[in-house]
Amino acid sequence: MLSAVIRAFEEGNNMAQSVYRAFPDLTADEILTLINLSYDRQAGDYIKLARLDMNRTRAWGDQLADCIRPLLPAEGGSVLEVGVGEATSLAQVLHNLGTRVREAYGLDVSHSRILHAKLWLRENHLDSNLFVADISSIPLASNSVDVVYSSHSLEPNRGREKALMEECLRVARVGVVLIEPIYELADEAEKAHMDAHNYARGLWDIAQTLPAEIVAYRRLELYDAPNPKGVLALQKYQPESLPAKIQGPQWECPISGNSMTDSGSFFSVESIGIAYPVLSSIPLLARRNSVVASALVAGMGEAS
């Protein structure tokens, strides 16, 4: 499988589509590995594309910010972009929303792309809490970020849509904004393209089963054909008033659900002796990055 991904990249083909065709019975873990490899090989490409047409890059960010703004608290709030990539969308969202965003977070499966993202944000005089993680197990506490949003990040996850939407809604305090190809709003040619690439579908039907109100559902004016981008925005149902705002990141172990401590060079879960490394100032907080290291967590690493 690894050689197939590399070969597809070198030949200029769509890597995910090529390997799906060659290996139709991939497991969920293998799909995640495939997506990670695909994105890692493309690290830096999105910034190159953004530079080629900054007017369109800004317009896309403005369109995305317009979808997020209605759910942000009037006094300002926090946002998390799942599948942040190289932060080309996040940067424009932050420029557009300005002081309406008090804290920004971004996660991606690819460490290489997050490295590029940090440089892009720095170049744009912006900052964000960026980390490696999977959308299926976000290492943040429930109700810890006001608005969780995606920018075509659920796209390659057909079959996992419900689990990913539930996880985004869990972390959100106010709501979720999904900017994705909307299969049900597509024409026949667009649906054929989405089927060929195994893109996500059924988001509307899934949304109706979630504890949230659908507050936006439409095609977007600006998108790259043949992917029919749309917005699906959900305002989270709360039994009473909104949960109290959490000040600062409330990190949570993606395996145990226990709180994590940022020790600088690693994140730790003292109660069970698990650690997550930090590489080039980027926390690696996916399940696959966990290390059973009770001695390190107990402080023996510093003593040595």
Protein backbone atom coordinates (compact mmCIF):
# COMPACT_ATOMS: atom_id res chain seq x y z
CA MET A 1 0.00 0.00 0.00
CA LEU A 2 2.80 2.43 0.85
CA SER A 3 4.53 1.90 -2.47
CA ALA A 4 1.23 2.44 -4.30
CA VAL A 5 0.79 5.83 -2.60
CA ILE A 6 4.33 6.90 -3.48
CA ARG A 7 3.98 5.69 -7.08
CA ALA A 8 0.67 7.54 -7.52
CA PHE A 9 2.26 10.73 -6.20
CA GLU A 10 5.25 10.46 -8.53
CA GLU A 11 2.94 9.89 -11.51
CA GLY A 12 0.81 12.92 -10.61
CA ASN A 13 -2.33 10.88 -9.93
CA ASN A 14 -4.89 11.29 -7.19
CA MET A 15 -3.26 9.14 -4.51
CA ALA A 16 -6.32 8.28 -2.47
CA GLN A 17 -8.38 7.31 -5.52
CA SER A 18 -5.55 5.19 -6.96
CA VAL A 19 -5.09 3.17 -3.79
CA TYR A 20 -8.84 2.79 -3.14
CA ARG A 21 -9.09 1.17 -6.57
CA ALA A 22 -6.09 -1.08 -5.99
CA PHE A 23 -7.11 -2.02 -2.42
CA PRO A 24 -10.94 -1.84 -2.12
CA ASP A 25 -11.05 -3.67 1.23
CA LEU A 26 -8.93 -1.30 3.34
CA THR A 27 -9.57 -1.22 7.08
CA ALA A 28 -10.31 2.04 8.90
CA ASP A 29 -6.74 2.20 10.25
CA GLU A 30 -5.33 1.62 6.77
CA ILE A 31 -7.52 4.40 5.37
CA LEU A 32 -6.18 6.79 8.03
CA THR A 33 -2.63 5.78 7.14
CA LEU A 34 -3.38 6.35 3.46
CA ILE A 35 -4.83 9.81 4.09
CA ASN A 36 -1.85 10.71 6.29
CA LEU A 37 0.64 9.61 3.64
CA SER A 38 -1.25 11.42 0.91
CA TYR A 39 -1.34 14.69 2.80
CA ASP A 40 2.26 14.38 3.98
CA ARG A 41 3.48 13.97 0.40
CA GLN A 42 1.57 17.11 -0.59
CA ALA A 43 2.87 19.24 2.31
CA GLY A 44 3.46 22.80 1.14
CA ASP A 45 1.35 22.52 -2.03
CA TYR A 46 -1.66 24.35 -0.60
CA ILE A 47 0.43 27.36 0.38
CA LYS A 48 1.87 27.45 -3.14
CA LEU A 49 -1.66 27.45 -4.56
CA ALA A 50 -2.73 30.16 -2.12
CA ARG A 51 0.14 32.39 -3.21
CA LEU A 52 -0.77 31.94 -6.89
CA ASP A 53 -4.18 33.56 -6.38
CA MET A 54 -4.38 35.48 -3.11
CA ASN A 55 -7.59 37.20 -4.18
CA ARG A 56 -9.36 33.85 -4.39
CA THR A 57 -7.70 32.66 -1.19
CA ARG A 58 -9.05 35.73 0.63
CA ALA A 59 -12.49 35.31 -0.95
CA TRP A 60 -12.66 31.68 0.20
CA GLY A 61 -11.68 32.70 3.73
CA ASP A 62 -14.27 35.48 3.74
CA GLN A 63 -16.97 33.04 2.63
CA LEU A 64 -15.97 30.60 5.37
CA ALA A 65 -15.88 33.35 8.01
CA ASP A 66 -19.39 34.43 7.01
CA CYS A 67 -20.60 30.90 7.76
CA ILE A 68 -18.89 30.82 11.17
CA ARG A 69 -19.77 34.34 12.38
CA PRO A 70 -23.45 33.70 13.26
CA LEU A 71 -22.48 31.01 15.79
CA LEU A 72 -19.67 32.94 17.49
CA PRO A 73 -20.61 34.67 20.76
CA ALA A 74 -21.01 38.43 20.32
CA GLU A 75 -18.29 39.08 22.90
CA GLY A 76 -15.87 36.84 21.02
CA GLY A 77 -15.09 33.15 21.23
CA SER A 78 -12.89 30.25 20.18
CA VAL A 79 -12.71 28.25 16.96
CA LEU A 80 -11.21 24.90 15.99
CA GLU A 81 -10.53 23.91 12.39
CA VAL A 82 -10.45 20.12 12.01
CA GLY A 83 -8.18 19.15 9.13
CA VAL A 84 -6.41 22.51 9.24
CA GLY A 85 -3.81 21.46 6.66
CA GLU A 86 -1.43 24.35 6.04
CA ALA A 87 -3.76 26.92 7.66
CA THR A 88 -4.52 28.72 4.38
CA SER A 89 -8.22 28.76 5.29
CA LEU A 90 -7.64 29.38 9.00
CA ALA A 91 -5.42 32.39 8.32
CA GLN A 92 -8.09 34.10 6.24
CA VAL A 93 -10.81 33.24 8.76
CA LEU A 94 -8.75 34.89 11.51
CA HIS A 95 -8.03 37.95 9.36
CA ASN A 96 -11.74 38.30 8.56
CA LEU A 97 -13.17 37.72 12.04
CA GLY A 98 -10.47 39.69 13.84
CA THR A 99 -11.15 40.16 17.55
CA ARG A 100 -14.29 37.99 17.33
CA VAL A 101 -11.86 35.05 17.68
CA ARG A 102 -10.21 35.04 21.10
CA GLU A 103 -8.53 31.65 20.69
CA ALA A 104 -7.87 29.53 17.60
CA TYR A 105 -7.03 25.85 17.33
CA GLY A 106 -6.20 23.61 14.41
CA LEU A 107 -5.62 19.87 14.09
CA ASP A 108 -4.40 17.71 11.24
CA VAL A 109 -3.17 14.14 10.76
CA SER A 110 0.04 15.35 9.08
CA HIS A 111 2.93 16.74 11.12
CA SER A 112 4.59 18.03 7.93
CA ARG A 113 1.54 20.08 6.96
CA ILE A 114 1.28 21.56 10.46
CA LEU A 115 4.93 22.64 10.19
CA HIS A 116 4.04 24.51 7.00
CA ALA A 117 0.92 25.89 8.72
CA LYS A 118 2.96 27.37 11.57
CA LEU A 119 5.23 29.16 9.09
CA TRP A 120 2.24 30.45 7.10
CA LEU A 121 0.54 31.82 10.21
CA ARG A 122 3.77 33.44 11.36
CA GLU A 123 4.21 35.05 7.94
CA ASN A 124 0.68 36.44 8.28
CA HIS A 125 1.35 37.69 11.84
CA LEU A 126 -1.13 35.22 13.30
CA ASP A 127 -1.00 32.49 15.91
CA SER A 128 -2.96 29.36 16.76
CA ASN A 129 -2.75 26.21 18.88
CA LEU A 130 -1.83 23.63 16.23
CA PHE A 131 -1.48 19.92 16.94
CA VAL A 132 -1.53 16.49 15.31
CA ALA A 133 -4.71 14.52 15.96
CA ASP A 134 -7.53 12.61 14.27
CA ILE A 135 -10.99 14.11 13.80
CA SER A 136 -12.44 10.87 15.19
CA SER A 137 -10.83 11.44 18.63
CA ILE A 138 -10.21 15.14 19.22
CA PRO A 139 -7.97 15.60 22.30
CA LEU A 140 -10.07 18.40 23.79
CA ALA A 141 -12.75 18.30 26.47
CA SER A 142 -16.46 18.43 25.64
CA ASN A 143 -17.87 21.95 25.17
CA SER A 144 -14.34 23.39 25.16
CA VAL A 145 -14.41 25.33 21.84
CA ASP A 146 -17.25 27.63 20.79
CA VAL A 147 -17.30 26.71 17.09
CA VAL A 148 -15.75 23.64 15.45
CA TYR A 149 -15.55 23.87 11.67
CA SER A 150 -14.20 21.97 8.68
CA SER A 151 -13.05 23.03 5.24
CA HIS A 152 -13.45 19.90 3.05
CA SER A 153 -11.90 17.70 5.77
CA LEU A 154 -14.72 15.18 6.12
CA GLU A 155 -14.58 14.85 2.34
CA PRO A 156 -12.37 11.69 2.12
CA ASN A 157 -14.16 9.86 4.94
CA ARG A 158 -17.14 8.10 3.38
CA GLY A 159 -18.52 5.60 5.85
CA ARG A 160 -17.25 7.51 8.89
CA GLU A 161 -19.41 10.62 8.55
CA LYS A 162 -21.64 10.08 11.60
CA ALA A 163 -18.80 9.35 14.02
CA LEU A 164 -16.85 12.40 12.86
CA MET A 165 -19.85 14.73 13.07
CA GLU A 166 -20.67 13.45 16.57
CA GLU A 167 -17.10 14.06 17.71
CA CYS A 168 -17.06 17.62 16.34
CA LEU A 169 -20.36 18.32 18.09
CA ARG A 170 -19.05 16.89 21.37
CA VAL A 171 -16.14 19.34 21.46
CA ALA A 172 -18.24 22.32 20.32
CA ARG A 173 -19.82 24.57 22.92
CA VAL A 174 -22.12 26.46 20.54
CA GLY A 175 -22.07 24.73 17.18
CA VAL A 176 -20.41 23.09 14.19
CA VAL A 177 -19.94 24.44 10.66
CA LEU A 178 -19.14 21.90 7.95
CA ILE A 179 -17.89 23.25 4.62
CA GLU A 180 -17.90 20.11 2.50
CA PRO A 181 -18.98 18.74 -0.89
CA ILE A 182 -22.71 18.18 -0.35
CA TYR A 183 -23.71 15.04 -2.25
CA GLU A 184 -27.44 15.66 -1.97
CA LEU A 185 -27.11 19.17 -3.45
CA ALA A 186 -24.97 17.99 -6.36
CA ASP A 187 -25.98 17.33 -9.96
CA GLU A 188 -25.45 13.91 -11.55
CA ALA A 189 -21.99 14.71 -12.92
CA GLU A 190 -20.86 16.03 -9.53
CA LYS A 191 -22.26 12.96 -7.77
CA ALA A 192 -20.35 10.71 -10.18
CA HIS A 193 -17.15 12.60 -9.35
CA MET A 194 -17.79 12.24 -5.61
CA ASP A 195 -18.54 8.53 -5.98
CA ALA A 196 -15.33 8.00 -7.94
CA HIS A 197 -13.33 9.65 -5.15
CA ASN A 198 -15.30 7.99 -2.33
CA TYR A 199 -16.27 11.37 -0.85
CA ALA A 200 -18.53 11.71 2.16
CA ARG A 201 -22.30 11.74 1.68
CA GLY A 202 -25.52 11.76 3.71
CA LEU A 203 -24.52 14.69 5.94
CA TRP A 204 -28.06 16.13 6.01
CA ASP A 205 -29.63 12.83 7.08
CA ILE A 206 -27.01 12.35 9.78
CA ALA A 207 -27.44 15.92 11.05
CA GLN A 208 -31.11 15.29 11.69
CA THR A 209 -30.20 12.52 14.17
CA LEU A 210 -27.86 14.73 16.21
CA PRO A 211 -28.71 16.88 19.26
CA ALA A 212 -28.50 20.09 17.25
CA GLU A 213 -30.59 22.44 15.13
CA ILE A 214 -29.69 22.77 11.45
CA VAL A 215 -29.28 26.53 10.96
CA ALA A 216 -27.74 26.56 7.47
CA TYR A 217 -27.80 24.12 4.56
CA ARG A 218 -27.01 25.37 1.06
CA ARG A 219 -24.53 25.34 -1.78
CA LEU A 220 -21.79 27.94 -1.70
CA GLU A 221 -21.21 30.40 -4.51
CA LEU A 222 -17.42 30.08 -4.51
CA TYR A 223 -15.92 26.61 -4.99
CA ASP A 224 -13.65 24.65 -7.32
CA ALA A 225 -15.59 22.47 -9.77
CA PRO A 226 -16.40 19.62 -9.87
CA ASN A 227 -16.65 19.55 -6.07
CA PRO A 228 -20.04 21.12 -5.17
CA LYS A 229 -19.11 22.80 -1.88
CA GLY A 230 -21.85 23.61 0.57
CA VAL A 231 -22.37 24.60 4.18
CA LEU A 232 -24.12 22.57 6.86
CA ALA A 233 -24.21 24.49 10.14
CA LEU A 234 -25.49 23.01 13.41
CA GLN A 235 -26.36 24.86 16.61
CA LYS A 236 -25.94 22.53 19.54
CA TYR A 237 -28.92 21.78 21.77
CA GLN A 238 -28.21 22.55 25.40
CA PRO A 239 -30.46 21.27 28.20
CA GLU A 240 -30.38 24.64 29.97
CA SER A 241 -27.91 27.47 29.53
CA LEU A 242 -24.61 27.21 27.67
CA PRO A 243 -21.82 25.50 29.63
CA ALA A 244 -19.39 27.90 31.28
CA LYS A 245 -16.56 29.01 29.03
CA ILE A 246 -13.33 27.07 29.47
CA GLN A 247 -10.34 29.38 29.75
CA GLY A 248 -7.40 28.06 27.76
CA PRO A 249 -7.08 24.64 26.14
CA GLN A 250 -8.58 21.80 28.19
CA TRP A 251 -6.59 18.85 26.83
CA GLU A 252 -8.10 15.38 27.03
CA CYS A 253 -6.48 12.01 26.32
CA PRO A 254 -7.99 10.56 23.10
CA ILE A 255 -7.70 7.04 24.52
CA SER A 256 -8.88 7.35 28.13
CA GLY A 257 -10.78 10.63 28.11
CA ASN A 258 -8.77 11.74 31.17
CA SER A 259 -7.32 15.24 31.37
CA MET A 260 -3.78 15.78 30.11
CA THR A 261 -1.00 18.05 31.38
CA ASP A 262 1.28 19.94 29.02
CA SER A 263 4.77 19.38 30.38
CA GLY A 264 6.53 21.20 27.55
CA SER A 265 8.37 18.31 25.91
CA PHE A 266 5.40 15.94 26.22
CA PHE A 267 1.77 15.75 27.29
CA SER A 268 1.00 13.36 30.12
CA VAL A 269 -1.93 11.48 31.62
CA GLU A 270 -0.70 10.90 35.15
CA SER A 271 -3.57 8.66 36.23
CA ILE A 272 -2.68 5.93 33.70
CA GLY A 273 0.97 6.70 32.85
CA ILE A 274 0.52 7.61 29.19
CA ALA A 275 2.59 10.27 27.42
CA TYR A 276 2.29 12.00 24.05
CA PRO A 277 5.44 13.51 22.50
CA VAL A 278 6.00 17.03 21.21
CA LEU A 279 8.01 17.25 17.98
CA SER A 280 9.30 20.62 16.74
CA SER A 281 6.93 22.37 19.17
CA ILE A 282 3.95 20.46 17.70
CA PRO A 283 2.06 18.16 20.11
CA LEU A 284 1.41 14.69 18.66
CA LEU A 285 -1.95 13.90 20.23
CA ALA A 286 -3.36 11.10 18.08
CA ARG A 287 -4.02 7.70 19.62
CA ARG A 288 -1.21 6.19 17.53
CA ASN A 289 1.28 8.65 19.12
CA SER A 290 0.64 7.49 22.69
CA VAL A 291 3.48 5.96 24.69
CA VAL A 292 3.05 3.90 27.85
CA ALA A 293 5.65 5.65 30.00
CA SER A 294 4.64 5.70 33.67
CA ALA A 295 8.22 6.35 34.82
CA LEU A 296 8.52 9.39 32.53
CA VAL A 297 5.14 10.68 33.66
CA ALA A 298 6.22 10.20 37.28
CA GLY A 299 9.22 12.48 36.70
CA MET A 300 12.06 10.01 36.19
CA GLY A 301 12.85 11.44 32.77
CA GLU A 302 14.00 14.73 34.30
CA ALA A 303 16.02 12.89 36.96
CA SER A 304 18.04 11.00 34.34
